[in-house]
Each structure stands twice: as C-alpha cells, then as structure tokens.
C-alpha cells in the first residue's frame, strides 16, 4: 500500500482512500486536532488507530480484533515517518496479519 501524508493539512491517503480520524475518535480520542506522524505522541497514535481500522476493514475482520495493536503500529511505522510530507510503501495488511498470527501462536 502507498501511504501519503501532508503535514500542513494533516491529510493522509492510503492508496487512493482518504483516511479520516472520525471513526478512530469513537474508539479513542488521542488527538482532537487529527493525525500527526514522525514521533511517538497523541497525533501519531490517532493515525495508527485509523490505519488499524482501515486494515481490519480490508481484511474483513472485526475492528476490535486489530485495535490492541495500534500502539505497536505507532512505534513500528508511524513514529518513524519523517516529520514532513511523506510517501511510503508499507504492507499494512501484512503487518496486521502477522500481529494476529503471532497472537494465535501464543494462545
């Protein structure tokens, strides 16, 4: 997947889909101002949660199955993005599948 972000507007696209914070706010409102990236904070947590929701929908799994991993996604991907505009290829679906698979192996 290609994930793009614009720092001035805090707009994020996943492939061609615009990611909005609204649905993620219903689960946890880390950042009323919306998304940020490039560090480990509340804006990046909001983006990571929204990315997890997006991936869960693509995998056709209940959103709450993916939610426990959003802080990991923040550390593994969102915090490592440049603190500017970005374009990154990231296998979000594969990343979440691996996390879910690791959980099944440990239970």
PDB file of N, CA and C in Angstrom:
ATOM      1  N   UNK A   1       0.838  -1.174   0.000  1.00  0.00           N
ATOM      2  CA  UNK A   1       0.000   0.000   0.000  1.00  0.00           C
ATOM      3  C   UNK A   1       0.884   1.238   0.000  1.00  0.00           C
ATOM      4  N   UNK A   2       0.429   2.260  -0.663  1.00  0.00           N
ATOM      5  CA  UNK A   2       1.131   3.535  -0.630  1.00  0.00           C
ATOM      6  C   UNK A   2       0.387   4.450   0.331  1.00  0.00           C
ATOM      7  N   UNK A   3       1.103   4.935   1.320  1.00  0.00           N
ATOM      8  CA  UNK A   3       0.524   5.826   2.317  1.00  0.00           C
ATOM      9  C   UNK A   3       1.196   7.181   2.151  1.00  0.00           C
ATOM     10  N   UNK A   4       0.364   8.224   2.025  1.00  0.00           N
ATOM     11  CA  UNK A   4       0.864   9.581   1.811  1.00  0.00           C
ATOM     12  C   UNK A   4       0.314  10.494   2.895  1.00  0.00           C
ATOM     13  N   UNK A   5       1.133  11.446   3.324  1.00  0.00           N
ATOM     14  CA  UNK A   5       0.675  12.422   4.301  1.00  0.00           C
ATOM     15  C   UNK A   5       1.184  13.808   3.968  1.00  0.00           C
ATOM     16  N   UNK A   6       0.347  14.811   4.244  1.00  0.00           N
ATOM     17  CA  UNK A   6       0.705  16.208   4.039  1.00  0.00           C
ATOM     18  C   UNK A   6       0.656  16.921   5.386  1.00  0.00           C
ATOM     19  N   UNK A   7       1.791  17.432   5.796  1.00  0.00           N
ATOM     20  CA  UNK A   7       1.931  17.998   7.136  1.00  0.00           C
ATOM     21  C   UNK A   7       1.050  19.228   7.357  1.00  0.00           C
ATOM     22  N   UNK A   8       0.917  20.086   6.378  1.00  0.00           N
ATOM     23  CA  UNK A   8       0.148  21.332   6.559  1.00  0.00           C
ATOM     24  C   UNK A   8      -1.335  21.090   6.793  1.00  0.00           C
ATOM     25  N   UNK A   9      -1.879  20.062   6.143  1.00  0.00           N
ATOM     26  CA  UNK A   9      -3.311  19.771   6.275  1.00  0.00           C
ATOM     27  C   UNK A   9      -3.589  18.558   7.160  1.00  0.00           C
ATOM     28  N   UNK A  10      -2.540  17.802   7.462  1.00  0.00           N
ATOM     29  CA  UNK A  10      -2.641  16.540   8.215  1.00  0.00           C
ATOM     30  C   UNK A  10      -3.491  15.508   7.479  1.00  0.00           C
ATOM     31  N   UNK A  11      -3.607  15.684   6.180  1.00  0.00           N
ATOM     32  CA  UNK A  11      -4.353  14.735   5.349  1.00  0.00           C
ATOM     33  C   UNK A  11      -3.502  13.498   5.104  1.00  0.00           C
ATOM     34  N   UNK A  12      -4.138  12.343   5.155  1.00  0.00           N
ATOM     35  CA  UNK A  12      -3.465  11.072   4.902  1.00  0.00           C
ATOM     36  C   UNK A  12      -4.286  10.271   3.909  1.00  0.00           C
ATOM     37  N   UNK A  13      -3.609   9.724   2.907  1.00  0.00           N
ATOM     38  CA  UNK A  13      -4.230   8.831   1.934  1.00  0.00           C
ATOM     39  C   UNK A  13      -3.591   7.455   2.054  1.00  0.00           C
ATOM     40  N   UNK A  14      -4.423   6.433   1.983  1.00  0.00           N
ATOM     41  CA  UNK A  14      -3.946   5.059   1.878  1.00  0.00           C
ATOM     42  C   UNK A  14      -4.379   4.596   0.503  1.00  0.00           C
ATOM     43  N   UNK A  15      -3.397   4.355  -0.352  1.00  0.00           N
ATOM     44  CA  UNK A  15      -3.644   4.175  -1.772  1.00  0.00           C
ATOM     45  C   UNK A  15      -4.434   5.406  -2.238  1.00  0.00           C
ATOM     46  N   UNK A  16      -5.665   5.268  -2.622  1.00  0.00           N
ATOM     47  CA  UNK A  16      -6.425   6.458  -3.055  1.00  0.00           C
ATOM     48  C   UNK A  16      -7.516   6.848  -2.067  1.00  0.00           C
ATOM     49  N   UNK A  17      -7.564   6.147  -0.947  1.00  0.00           N
ATOM     50  CA  UNK A  17      -8.606   6.400   0.053  1.00  0.00           C
ATOM     51  C   UNK A  17      -8.128   7.407   1.088  1.00  0.00           C
ATOM     52  N   UNK A  18      -8.918   8.471   1.298  1.00  0.00           N
ATOM     53  CA  UNK A  18      -8.565   9.427   2.338  1.00  0.00           C
ATOM     54  C   UNK A  18      -8.910   8.838   3.697  1.00  0.00           C
ATOM     55  N   UNK A  19      -7.968   8.919   4.598  1.00  0.00           N
ATOM     56  CA  UNK A  19      -8.160   8.438   5.958  1.00  0.00           C
ATOM     57  C   UNK A  19      -8.624   9.613   6.802  1.00  0.00           C
ATOM     58  N   UNK A  20      -9.725   9.435   7.490  1.00  0.00           N
ATOM     59  CA  UNK A  20     -10.263  10.476   8.361  1.00  0.00           C
ATOM     60  C   UNK A  20     -10.229   9.988   9.803  1.00  0.00           C
ATOM     61  N   UNK A  21     -10.055  10.885  10.759  1.00  0.00           N
ATOM     62  CA  UNK A  21      -9.959  10.452  12.158  1.00  0.00           C
ATOM     63  C   UNK A  21     -11.293  10.120  12.815  1.00  0.00           C
ATOM     64  N   UNK A  22     -12.404  10.455  12.192  1.00  0.00           N
ATOM     65  CA  UNK A  22     -13.721  10.347  12.832  1.00  0.00           C
ATOM     66  C   UNK A  22     -13.994   8.990  13.472  1.00  0.00           C
ATOM     67  N   UNK A  23     -13.813   7.923  12.701  1.00  0.00           N
ATOM     68  CA  UNK A  23     -14.125   6.591  13.230  1.00  0.00           C
ATOM     69  C   UNK A  23     -13.176   6.199  14.356  1.00  0.00           C
ATOM     70  N   UNK A  24     -11.918   6.575  14.224  1.00  0.00           N
ATOM     71  CA  UNK A  24     -10.959   6.244  15.288  1.00  0.00           C
ATOM     72  C   UNK A  24     -11.248   7.032  16.560  1.00  0.00           C
ATOM     73  N   UNK A  25     -11.785   8.239  16.435  1.00  0.00           N
ATOM     74  CA  UNK A  25     -12.150   9.037  17.613  1.00  0.00           C
ATOM     75  C   UNK A  25     -13.217   8.324  18.450  1.00  0.00           C
ATOM     76  N   UNK A  26     -14.079   7.548  17.788  1.00  0.00           N
ATOM     77  CA  UNK A  26     -15.133   6.833  18.512  1.00  0.00           C
ATOM     78  C   UNK A  26     -14.556   5.751  19.427  1.00  0.00           C
ATOM     79  N   UNK A  27     -13.379   5.253  19.087  1.00  0.00           N
ATOM     80  CA  UNK A  27     -12.736   4.221  19.897  1.00  0.00           C
ATOM     81  C   UNK A  27     -11.850   4.847  20.962  1.00  0.00           C
ATOM     82  N   UNK A  28     -11.050   5.842  20.553  1.00  0.00           N
ATOM     83  CA  UNK A  28     -10.158   6.527  21.488  1.00  0.00           C
ATOM     84  C   UNK A  28      -9.774   7.874  20.890  1.00  0.00           C
ATOM     85  N   UNK A  29     -10.070   8.934  21.601  1.00  0.00           N
ATOM     86  CA  UNK A  29      -9.739  10.268  21.104  1.00  0.00           C
ATOM     87  C   UNK A  29      -8.404  10.703  21.708  1.00  0.00           C
ATOM     88  N   UNK A  30      -7.340  10.347  21.011  1.00  0.00           N
ATOM     89  CA  UNK A  30      -5.994  10.752  21.430  1.00  0.00           C
ATOM     90  C   UNK A  30      -5.719  12.196  21.040  1.00  0.00           C
ATOM     91  N   UNK A  31      -6.232  12.597  19.878  1.00  0.00           N
ATOM     92  CA  UNK A  31      -5.838  13.873  19.288  1.00  0.00           C
ATOM     93  C   UNK A  31      -7.027  14.548  18.613  1.00  0.00           C
ATOM     94  N   UNK A  32      -7.698  15.466  19.295  1.00  0.00           N
ATOM     95  CA  UNK A  32      -8.820  16.172  18.681  1.00  0.00           C
ATOM     96  C   UNK A  32      -8.417  16.977  17.443  1.00  0.00           C
ATOM     97  N   UNK A  33      -7.124  17.275  17.324  1.00  0.00           N
ATOM     98  CA  UNK A  33      -6.623  18.021  16.167  1.00  0.00           C
ATOM     99  C   UNK A  33      -6.376  17.141  14.953  1.00  0.00           C
ATOM    100  N   UNK A  34      -6.492  15.834  15.097  1.00  0.00           N
ATOM    101  CA  UNK A  34      -6.286  14.935  13.965  1.00  0.00           C
ATOM    102  C   UNK A  34      -4.951  14.228  13.995  1.00  0.00           C
ATOM    103  N   UNK A  35      -4.495  13.839  12.814  1.00  0.00           N
ATOM    104  CA  UNK A  35      -3.319  12.991  12.675  1.00  0.00           C
ATOM    105  C   UNK A  35      -2.012  13.780  12.716  1.00  0.00           C
ATOM    106  N   UNK A  36      -0.985  13.103  13.188  1.00  0.00           N
ATOM    107  CA  UNK A  36       0.410  13.548  13.057  1.00  0.00           C
ATOM    108  C   UNK A  36       1.260  12.299  12.925  1.00  0.00           C
ATOM    109  N   UNK A  37       2.557  12.500  12.690  1.00  0.00           N
ATOM    110  CA  UNK A  37       3.474  11.383  12.496  1.00  0.00           C
ATOM    111  C   UNK A  37       4.893  11.868  12.740  1.00  0.00           C
ATOM    112  N   UNK A  38       5.804  10.905  12.812  1.00  0.00           N
ATOM    113  CA  UNK A  38       7.219  11.233  12.950  1.00  0.00           C
ATOM    114  C   UNK A  38       7.713  11.286  14.386  1.00  0.00           C
ATOM    115  N   UNK A  39       6.902  10.884  15.337  1.00  0.00           N
ATOM    116  CA  UNK A  39       7.287  10.825  16.752  1.00  0.00           C
ATOM    117  C   UNK A  39       6.247   9.958  17.456  1.00  0.00           C
ATOM    118  N   UNK A  40       6.475   9.657  18.716  1.00  0.00           N
ATOM    119  CA  UNK A  40       5.528   8.844  19.479  1.00  0.00           C
ATOM    120  C   UNK A  40       4.690   9.752  20.369  1.00  0.00           C
ATOM    121  N   UNK A  41       3.527  10.145  19.879  1.00  0.00           N
ATOM    122  CA  UNK A  41       2.661  11.035  20.639  1.00  0.00           C
ATOM    123  C   UNK A  41       1.209  10.762  20.332  1.00  0.00           C
ATOM    124  N   UNK A  42       0.354  11.705  20.705  1.00  0.00           N
ATOM    125  CA  UNK A  42      -1.088  11.501  20.570  1.00  0.00           C
ATOM    126  C   UNK A  42      -1.555  11.546  19.110  1.00  0.00           C
ATOM    127  N   UNK A  43      -1.051  12.490  18.319  1.00  0.00           N
ATOM    128  CA  UNK A  43      -1.417  12.550  16.897  1.00  0.00           C
ATOM    129  C   UNK A  43      -1.005  11.291  16.147  1.00  0.00           C
ATOM    130  N   UNK A  44       0.229  10.794  16.358  1.00  0.00           N
ATOM    131  CA  UNK A  44       0.615   9.533  15.738  1.00  0.00           C
ATOM    132  C   UNK A  44      -0.221   8.338  16.226  1.00  0.00           C
ATOM    133  N   UNK A  45      -0.618   8.352  17.495  1.00  0.00           N
ATOM    134  CA  UNK A  45      -1.482   7.278  17.995  1.00  0.00           C
ATOM    135  C   UNK A  45      -2.824   7.290  17.264  1.00  0.00           C
ATOM    136  N   UNK A  46      -3.360   8.496  17.017  1.00  0.00           N
ATOM    137  CA  UNK A  46      -4.638   8.601  16.302  1.00  0.00           C
ATOM    138  C   UNK A  46      -4.498   8.070  14.888  1.00  0.00           C
ATOM    139  N   UNK A  47      -3.400   8.388  14.225  1.00  0.00           N
ATOM    140  CA  UNK A  47      -3.169   7.887  12.878  1.00  0.00           C
ATOM    141  C   UNK A  47      -3.015   6.371  12.890  1.00  0.00           C
ATOM    142  N   UNK A  48      -2.262   5.840  13.823  1.00  0.00           N
ATOM    143  CA  UNK A  48      -2.072   4.390  13.900  1.00  0.00           C
ATOM    144  C   UNK A  48      -3.405   3.679  14.122  1.00  0.00           C
ATOM    145  N   UNK A  49      -4.244   4.226  14.977  1.00  0.00           N
ATOM    146  CA  UNK A  49      -5.557   3.630  15.221  1.00  0.00           C
ATOM    147  C   UNK A  49      -6.407   3.658  13.955  1.00  0.00           C
ATOM    148  N   UNK A  50      -6.400   4.773  13.237  1.00  0.00           N
ATOM    149  CA  UNK A  50      -7.149   4.870  11.986  1.00  0.00           C
ATOM    150  C   UNK A  50      -6.616   3.887  10.939  1.00  0.00           C
ATOM    151  N   UNK A  51      -5.314   3.699  10.888  1.00  0.00           N
ATOM    152  CA  UNK A  51      -4.719   2.729   9.964  1.00  0.00           C
ATOM    153  C   UNK A  51      -5.139   1.304  10.320  1.00  0.00           C
ATOM    154  N   UNK A  52      -5.199   0.996  11.596  1.00  0.00           N
ATOM    155  CA  UNK A  52      -5.645  -0.336  12.033  1.00  0.00           C
ATOM    156  C   UNK A  52      -7.099  -0.566  11.614  1.00  0.00           C
ATOM    157  N   UNK A  53      -7.935   0.427  11.804  1.00  0.00           N
ATOM    158  CA  UNK A  53      -9.341   0.310  11.404  1.00  0.00           C
ATOM    159  C   UNK A  53      -9.434   0.057   9.901  1.00  0.00           C
ATOM    160  N   UNK A  54      -8.659   0.807   9.128  1.00  0.00           N
ATOM    161  CA  UNK A  54      -8.637   0.642   7.671  1.00  0.00           C
ATOM    162  C   UNK A  54      -8.233  -0.783   7.306  1.00  0.00           C
ATOM    163  N   UNK A  55      -7.162  -1.275   7.930  1.00  0.00           N
ATOM    164  CA  UNK A  55      -6.659  -2.624   7.622  1.00  0.00           C
ATOM    165  C   UNK A  55      -7.669  -3.694   8.029  1.00  0.00           C
ATOM    166  N   UNK A  56      -8.290  -3.535   9.186  1.00  0.00           N
ATOM    167  CA  UNK A  56      -9.281  -4.518   9.639  1.00  0.00           C
ATOM    168  C   UNK A  56     -10.438  -4.607   8.652  1.00  0.00           C
ATOM    169  N   UNK A  57     -10.873  -3.475   8.148  1.00  0.00           N
ATOM    170  CA  UNK A  57     -11.960  -3.477   7.162  1.00  0.00           C
ATOM    171  C   UNK A  57     -11.531  -4.182   5.875  1.00  0.00           C
ATOM    172  N   UNK A  58     -10.301  -3.936   5.443  1.00  0.00           N
ATOM    173  CA  UNK A  58      -9.796  -4.588   4.231  1.00  0.00           C
ATOM    174  C   UNK A  58      -9.694  -6.094   4.422  1.00  0.00           C
ATOM    175  N   UNK A  59      -9.346  -6.523   5.643  1.00  0.00           N
ATOM    176  CA  UNK A  59      -9.242  -7.948   5.952  1.00  0.00           C
ATOM    177  C   UNK A  59     -10.601  -8.561   6.282  1.00  0.00           C
ATOM    178  N   UNK A  60     -11.622  -7.726   6.381  1.00  0.00           N
ATOM    179  CA  UNK A  60     -12.977  -8.164   6.726  1.00  0.00           C
ATOM    180  C   UNK A  60     -12.992  -8.904   8.069  1.00  0.00           C
ATOM    181  N   UNK A  61     -12.317  -8.284   9.056  1.00  0.00           N
ATOM    182  CA  UNK A  61     -12.336  -8.806  10.420  1.00  0.00           C
ATOM    183  C   UNK A  61     -12.938  -7.733  11.326  1.00  0.00           C
ATOM    184  N   UNK A  62     -13.431  -8.123  12.489  1.00  0.00           N
ATOM    185  CA  UNK A  62     -13.947  -7.108  13.409  1.00  0.00           C
ATOM    186  C   UNK A  62     -12.847  -6.103  13.777  1.00  0.00           C
ATOM    187  N   UNK A  63     -13.194  -4.844  13.732  1.00  0.00           N
ATOM    188  CA  UNK A  63     -12.224  -3.777  14.019  1.00  0.00           C
ATOM    189  C   UNK A  63     -11.535  -3.994  15.361  1.00  0.00           C
ATOM    190  N   UNK A  64     -12.298  -4.426  16.351  1.00  0.00           N
ATOM    191  CA  UNK A  64     -11.740  -4.565  17.696  1.00  0.00           C
ATOM    192  C   UNK A  64     -10.683  -5.667  17.786  1.00  0.00           C
ATOM    193  N   UNK A  65     -10.609  -6.565  16.807  1.00  0.00           N
ATOM    194  CA  UNK A  65      -9.525  -7.559  16.777  1.00  0.00           C
ATOM    195  C   UNK A  65      -8.184  -6.894  16.488  1.00  0.00           C
ATOM    196  N   UNK A  66      -8.208  -5.827  15.712  1.00  0.00           N
ATOM    197  CA  UNK A  66      -6.974  -5.141  15.360  1.00  0.00           C
ATOM    198  C   UNK A  66      -6.566  -4.057  16.331  1.00  0.00           C
ATOM    199  N   UNK A  67      -7.529  -3.506  17.050  1.00  0.00           N
ATOM    200  CA  UNK A  67      -7.278  -2.354  17.923  1.00  0.00           C
ATOM    201  C   UNK A  67      -6.143  -2.569  18.931  1.00  0.00           C
ATOM    202  N   UNK A  68      -5.992  -3.760  19.528  1.00  0.00           N
ATOM    203  CA  UNK A  68      -4.910  -3.913  20.508  1.00  0.00           C
ATOM    204  C   UNK A  68      -3.499  -3.658  19.954  1.00  0.00           C
ATOM    205  N   UNK A  69      -3.364  -3.586  18.630  1.00  0.00           N
ATOM    206  CA  UNK A  69      -2.039  -3.466  18.021  1.00  0.00           C
ATOM    207  C   UNK A  69      -1.704  -2.058  17.539  1.00  0.00           C
ATOM    208  N   UNK A  70      -2.576  -1.092  17.773  1.00  0.00           N
ATOM    209  CA  UNK A  70      -2.314   0.219  17.184  1.00  0.00           C
ATOM    210  C   UNK A  70      -1.112   0.918  17.799  1.00  0.00           C
ATOM    211  N   UNK A  71      -0.846   0.701  19.074  1.00  0.00           N
ATOM    212  CA  UNK A  71       0.353   1.322  19.672  1.00  0.00           C
ATOM    213  C   UNK A  71       1.620   0.688  19.096  1.00  0.00           C
ATOM    214  N   UNK A  72       1.570  -0.612  18.783  1.00  0.00           N
ATOM    215  CA  UNK A  72       2.708  -1.259  18.105  1.00  0.00           C
ATOM    216  C   UNK A  72       2.913  -0.650  16.723  1.00  0.00           C
ATOM    217  N   UNK A  73       1.814  -0.417  16.008  1.00  0.00           N
ATOM    218  CA  UNK A  73       1.916   0.194  14.682  1.00  0.00           C
ATOM    219  C   UNK A  73       2.489   1.607  14.782  1.00  0.00           C
ATOM    220  N   UNK A  74       2.092   2.315  15.813  1.00  0.00           N
ATOM    221  CA  UNK A  74       2.641   3.658  16.011  1.00  0.00           C
ATOM    222  C   UNK A  74       4.168   3.584  16.136  1.00  0.00           C
ATOM    223  N   UNK A  75       4.645   2.660  16.954  1.00  0.00           N
ATOM    224  CA  UNK A  75       6.101   2.536  17.154  1.00  0.00           C
ATOM    225  C   UNK A  75       6.807   1.993  15.918  1.00  0.00           C
ATOM    226  N   UNK A  76       6.212   0.986  15.268  1.00  0.00           N
ATOM    227  CA  UNK A  76       6.861   0.306  14.142  1.00  0.00           C
ATOM    228  C   UNK A  76       6.862   1.122  12.856  1.00  0.00           C
ATOM    229  N   UNK A  77       5.849   1.971  12.670  1.00  0.00           N
ATOM    230  CA  UNK A  77       5.720   2.660  11.382  1.00  0.00           C
ATOM    231  C   UNK A  77       5.498   4.160  11.522  1.00  0.00           C
ATOM    232  N   UNK A  78       4.451   4.569  12.210  1.00  0.00           N
ATOM    233  CA  UNK A  78       4.042   5.979  12.226  1.00  0.00           C
ATOM    234  C   UNK A  78       5.113   6.877  12.840  1.00  0.00           C
ATOM    235  N   UNK A  79       5.706   6.458  13.936  1.00  0.00           N
ATOM    236  CA  UNK A  79       6.721   7.282  14.604  1.00  0.00           C
ATOM    237  C   UNK A  79       7.993   7.420  13.772  1.00  0.00           C
ATOM    238  N   UNK A  80       8.215   6.485  12.866  1.00  0.00           N
ATOM    239  CA  UNK A  80       9.432   6.504  12.045  1.00  0.00           C
ATOM    240  C   UNK A  80       9.289   7.323  10.759  1.00  0.00           C
ATOM    241  N   UNK A  81       8.090   7.800  10.484  1.00  0.00           N
ATOM    242  CA  UNK A  81       7.887   8.630   9.297  1.00  0.00           C
ATOM    243  C   UNK A  81       8.582   9.979   9.482  1.00  0.00           C
ATOM    244  N   UNK A  82       8.974  10.631   8.390  1.00  0.00           N
ATOM    245  CA  UNK A  82       9.565  11.962   8.520  1.00  0.00           C
ATOM    246  C   UNK A  82       8.534  12.961   9.041  1.00  0.00           C
ATOM    247  N   UNK A  83       8.981  13.941   9.779  1.00  0.00           N
ATOM    248  CA  UNK A  83       8.074  14.968  10.311  1.00  0.00           C
ATOM    249  C   UNK A  83       7.822  16.022   9.240  1.00  0.00           C
ATOM    250  N   UNK A  84       7.356  15.568   8.109  1.00  0.00           N
ATOM    251  CA  UNK A  84       7.084  16.421   6.965  1.00  0.00           C
ATOM    252  C   UNK A  84       6.107  15.683   6.068  1.00  0.00           C
ATOM    253  N   UNK A  85       5.916  16.150   4.849  1.00  0.00           N
ATOM    254  CA  UNK A  85       5.143  15.383   3.880  1.00  0.00           C
ATOM    255  C   UNK A  85       5.858  14.054   3.657  1.00  0.00           C
ATOM    256  N   UNK A  86       5.088  13.012   3.385  1.00  0.00           N
ATOM    257  CA  UNK A  86       5.725  11.717   3.147  1.00  0.00           C
ATOM    258  C   UNK A  86       4.932  10.908   2.133  1.00  0.00           C
ATOM    259  N   UNK A  87       5.631   9.995   1.496  1.00  0.00           N
ATOM    260  CA  UNK A  87       5.049   8.950   0.661  1.00  0.00           C
ATOM    261  C   UNK A  87       5.823   7.689   1.005  1.00  0.00           C
ATOM    262  N   UNK A  88       5.133   6.690   1.525  1.00  0.00           N
ATOM    263  CA  UNK A  88       5.782   5.452   1.950  1.00  0.00           C
ATOM    264  C   UNK A  88       4.983   4.258   1.467  1.00  0.00           C
ATOM    265  N   UNK A  89       5.690   3.245   1.000  1.00  0.00           N
ATOM    266  CA  UNK A  89       5.054   1.961   0.729  1.00  0.00           C
ATOM    267  C   UNK A  89       5.170   1.133   1.999  1.00  0.00           C
ATOM    268  N   UNK A  90       4.063   0.619   2.459  1.00  0.00           N
ATOM    269  CA  UNK A  90       4.039  -0.159   3.698  1.00  0.00           C
ATOM    270  C   UNK A  90       2.964  -1.228   3.562  1.00  0.00           C
ATOM    271  N   UNK A  91       3.317  -2.452   3.899  1.00  0.00           N
ATOM    272  CA  UNK A  91       2.374  -3.567   3.826  1.00  0.00           C
ATOM    273  C   UNK A  91       1.540  -3.601   5.106  1.00  0.00           C
ATOM    274  N   UNK A  92       0.602  -2.692   5.190  1.00  0.00           N
ATOM    275  CA  UNK A  92      -0.241  -2.561   6.370  1.00  0.00           C
ATOM    276  C   UNK A  92      -1.045  -3.834   6.628  1.00  0.00           C
ATOM    277  N   UNK A  93      -1.601  -4.402   5.577  1.00  0.00           N
ATOM    278  CA  UNK A  93      -2.399  -5.619   5.719  1.00  0.00           C
ATOM    279  C   UNK A  93      -1.515  -6.759   6.222  1.00  0.00           C
ATOM    280  N   UNK A  94      -0.350  -6.928   5.615  1.00  0.00           N
ATOM    281  CA  UNK A  94       0.581  -7.974   6.043  1.00  0.00           C
ATOM    282  C   UNK A  94       1.050  -7.762   7.473  1.00  0.00           C
ATOM    283  N   UNK A  95       1.300  -6.509   7.837  1.00  0.00           N
ATOM    284  CA  UNK A  95       1.741  -6.198   9.199  1.00  0.00           C
ATOM    285  C   UNK A  95       0.681  -6.640  10.207  1.00  0.00           C
ATOM    286  N   UNK A  96      -0.590  -6.300   9.947  1.00  0.00           N
ATOM    287  CA  UNK A  96      -1.658  -6.674  10.875  1.00  0.00           C
ATOM    288  C   UNK A  96      -1.867  -8.188  10.872  1.00  0.00           C
ATOM    289  N   UNK A  97      -1.802  -8.824   9.723  1.00  0.00           N
ATOM    290  CA  UNK A  97      -1.937 -10.280   9.676  1.00  0.00           C
ATOM    291  C   UNK A  97      -0.861 -10.956  10.514  1.00  0.00           C
ATOM    292  N   UNK A  98       0.367 -10.442  10.450  1.00  0.00           N
ATOM    293  CA  UNK A  98       1.452 -11.006  11.260  1.00  0.00           C
ATOM    294  C   UNK A  98       1.165 -10.858  12.742  1.00  0.00           C
ATOM    295  N   UNK A  99       0.677  -9.687  13.161  1.00  0.00           N
ATOM    296  CA  UNK A  99       0.346  -9.477  14.571  1.00  0.00           C
ATOM    297  C   UNK A  99      -0.752 -10.440  15.024  1.00  0.00           C
ATOM    298  N   UNK A 100      -1.776 -10.598  14.215  1.00  0.00           N
ATOM    299  CA  UNK A 100      -2.872 -11.501  14.557  1.00  0.00           C
ATOM    300  C   UNK A 100      -2.386 -12.950  14.598  1.00  0.00           C
ATOM    301  N   UNK A 101      -1.497 -13.305  13.688  1.00  0.00           N
ATOM    302  CA  UNK A 101      -0.937 -14.660  13.642  1.00  0.00           C
ATOM    303  C   UNK A 101      -0.073 -14.928  14.873  1.00  0.00           C
ATOM    304  N   UNK A 102       0.734 -13.936  15.275  1.00  0.00           N
ATOM    305  CA  UNK A 102       1.564 -14.080  16.480  1.00  0.00           C
ATOM    306  C   UNK A 102       0.690 -14.320  17.705  1.00  0.00           C
ATOM    307  N   UNK A 103      -0.438 -13.624  17.764  1.00  0.00           N
ATOM    308  CA  UNK A 103      -1.340 -13.780  18.906  1.00  0.00           C
ATOM    309  C   UNK A 103      -1.899 -15.205  18.950  1.00  0.00           C
ATOM    310  N   UNK A 104      -2.301 -15.727  17.791  1.00  0.00           N
ATOM    311  CA  UNK A 104      -2.853 -17.089  17.747  1.00  0.00           C
ATOM    312  C   UNK A 104      -1.819 -18.118  18.178  1.00  0.00           C
ATOM    313  N   UNK A 105      -0.558 -17.909  17.787  1.00  0.00           N
ATOM    314  CA  UNK A 105       0.510 -18.848  18.154  1.00  0.00           C
ATOM    315  C   UNK A 105       0.765 -18.841  19.654  1.00  0.00           C
ATOM    316  N   UNK A 106       0.570 -17.692  20.280  1.00  0.00           N
ATOM    317  CA  UNK A 106       0.883 -17.593  21.714  1.00  0.00           C
ATOM    318  C   UNK A 106      -0.274 -18.043  22.612  1.00  0.00           C
ATOM    319  N   UNK A 107      -1.426 -18.331  22.010  1.00  0.00           N
ATOM    320  CA  UNK A 107      -2.545 -18.787  22.849  1.00  0.00           C
ATOM    321  C   UNK A 107      -2.791 -20.269  22.727  1.00  0.00           C
TER     322      UNK A 107
END
